Amino acid sequence: MQIAKFPFTILDWSNLEVTERDGVTGKTISKIFFMGDIRVRMVEYTAGYLADHWCHKGHVIYCIDGEMETKLEDGRSFIFSKGMTYHVGDDCEAHRSSSVNGCKLLIVD
């Protein structure tokens, strides 16, 4: 696989529109940049966040700050904190995230 041709780009995240989405509890605060078919997001989970769905999308996620828990549909659970990444492919293992105290993530999918 290769990344489709895309011009060299410098991005100032502070200039991007902010979108908010409610979870079961808490919310996400996101800034999104599209690089062709690749979506790059800066996402903050507020304290007490619980995702409102089981996600089947593949991601590469880097935790910039804070900590979150990701549960897999098969019952496994993982704590993910500052400086860590996780990787999952499309339709591989459904996952659902939460954060007790909030976190900031860089997500590529």
Protein backbone atom coordinates (compact mmCIF):
# COMPACT_ATOMS: atom_id res chain seq x y z
CA MET A 1 0.00 0.00 0.00
CA GLN A 2 1.12 3.52 -0.62
CA ILE A 3 -0.11 6.99 0.26
CA ALA A 4 -1.62 8.62 -2.82
CA LYS A 5 0.22 11.61 -4.26
CA PHE A 6 -0.34 14.60 -2.07
CA PRO A 7 1.60 17.89 -1.99
CA PHE A 8 3.91 18.74 0.90
CA THR A 9 1.71 20.52 3.44
CA ILE A 10 2.36 22.31 6.71
CA LEU A 11 -0.72 22.41 8.89
CA ASP A 12 -1.47 24.84 11.71
CA TRP A 13 -4.03 22.90 13.74
CA SER A 14 -5.15 26.10 15.47
CA ASN A 15 -6.70 27.27 12.17
CA LEU A 16 -8.99 24.25 11.72
CA GLU A 17 -12.68 24.21 12.57
CA VAL A 18 -13.60 22.50 15.83
CA THR A 19 -16.34 19.86 15.85
CA GLU A 20 -17.90 18.33 18.94
CA ARG A 21 -19.68 15.01 19.30
CA ASP A 22 -21.46 13.69 22.37
CA GLY A 23 -20.61 10.29 23.75
CA VAL A 24 -22.80 8.25 26.08
CA THR A 25 -21.11 10.49 28.63
CA GLY A 26 -18.65 13.29 27.93
CA LYS A 27 -17.77 14.35 24.40
CA THR A 28 -15.08 14.51 21.76
CA ILE A 29 -13.62 17.77 20.52
CA SER A 30 -12.01 17.27 17.10
CA LYS A 31 -10.11 19.03 14.35
CA ILE A 32 -10.01 17.13 11.07
CA PHE A 33 -7.70 17.33 8.06
CA PHE A 34 -8.16 15.22 4.91
CA MET A 35 -5.11 14.16 2.96
CA GLY A 36 -6.81 12.58 -0.05
CA ASP A 37 -8.57 9.49 1.34
CA ILE A 38 -6.64 9.67 4.62
CA ARG A 39 -8.31 11.39 7.56
CA VAL A 40 -5.98 12.92 10.16
CA ARG A 41 -7.63 14.08 13.40
CA MET A 42 -6.57 15.85 16.57
CA VAL A 43 -9.12 14.62 19.11
CA GLU A 44 -9.70 15.41 22.76
CA TYR A 45 -11.84 13.14 24.94
CA THR A 46 -13.30 15.11 27.84
CA ALA A 47 -13.19 13.72 31.37
CA GLY A 48 -15.82 11.02 31.78
CA TYR A 49 -16.03 10.26 28.04
CA LEU A 50 -17.55 6.97 26.87
CA ALA A 51 -17.95 6.34 23.12
CA ASP A 52 -21.53 5.89 21.96
CA HIS A 53 -20.70 3.03 19.57
CA TRP A 54 -18.45 0.05 18.87
CA CYS A 55 -16.04 1.22 16.18
CA HIS A 56 -15.11 -1.12 13.31
CA LYS A 57 -12.85 1.37 11.49
CA GLY A 58 -9.10 0.88 11.36
CA HIS A 59 -6.88 3.49 13.01
CA VAL A 60 -3.40 4.40 14.05
CA ILE A 61 -3.76 6.35 17.29
CA TYR A 62 -1.04 8.24 19.17
CA CYS A 63 -1.79 9.47 22.70
CA ILE A 64 -0.40 12.98 23.06
CA ASP A 65 -1.57 13.47 26.63
CA GLY A 66 -3.71 11.82 29.28
CA GLU A 67 -5.01 8.27 29.39
CA MET A 68 -7.87 6.23 27.99
CA GLU A 69 -9.17 2.70 28.14
CA THR A 70 -10.06 0.79 24.99
CA LYS A 71 -12.27 -2.27 25.28
CA LEU A 72 -12.56 -4.82 22.52
CA GLU A 73 -15.88 -6.49 21.74
CA ASP A 74 -14.38 -9.84 22.80
CA GLY A 75 -13.98 -8.52 26.37
CA ARG A 76 -10.29 -7.60 26.40
CA SER A 77 -9.38 -4.18 27.77
CA PHE A 78 -6.28 -2.02 27.36
CA ILE A 79 -5.03 1.13 29.10
CA PHE A 80 -3.46 3.55 26.65
CA SER A 81 -1.49 6.57 27.90
CA LYS A 82 0.79 9.44 26.85
CA GLY A 83 3.45 8.39 24.35
CA MET A 84 1.73 5.13 23.34
CA THR A 85 0.19 4.12 20.01
CA TYR A 86 -2.31 1.50 19.01
CA HIS A 87 -3.09 0.12 15.60
CA VAL A 88 -6.08 -1.83 14.30
CA GLY A 89 -7.27 -2.59 10.77
CA ASP A 90 -10.69 -2.02 9.25
CA ASP A 91 -13.21 -4.64 10.42
CA CYS A 92 -10.59 -6.48 12.52
CA GLU A 93 -11.58 -6.00 16.15
CA ALA A 94 -14.44 -3.72 17.19
CA HIS A 95 -13.32 -1.31 19.90
CA ARG A 96 -14.88 1.24 22.23
CA SER A 97 -12.95 3.88 24.15
CA SER A 98 -13.46 5.82 27.35
CA SER A 99 -11.44 8.24 29.45
CA VAL A 100 -11.82 8.95 33.15
CA ASN A 101 -9.75 12.15 33.22
CA GLY A 102 -9.62 13.02 29.52
CA CYS A 103 -6.94 12.65 26.87
CA LYS A 104 -5.64 14.17 23.63
CA LEU A 105 -5.02 11.96 20.58
CA LEU A 106 -3.72 12.11 17.04
CA ILE A 107 -5.74 9.66 14.94
CA VAL A 108 -5.02 8.60 11.35
CA ASP A 109 -7.52 6.50 9.39
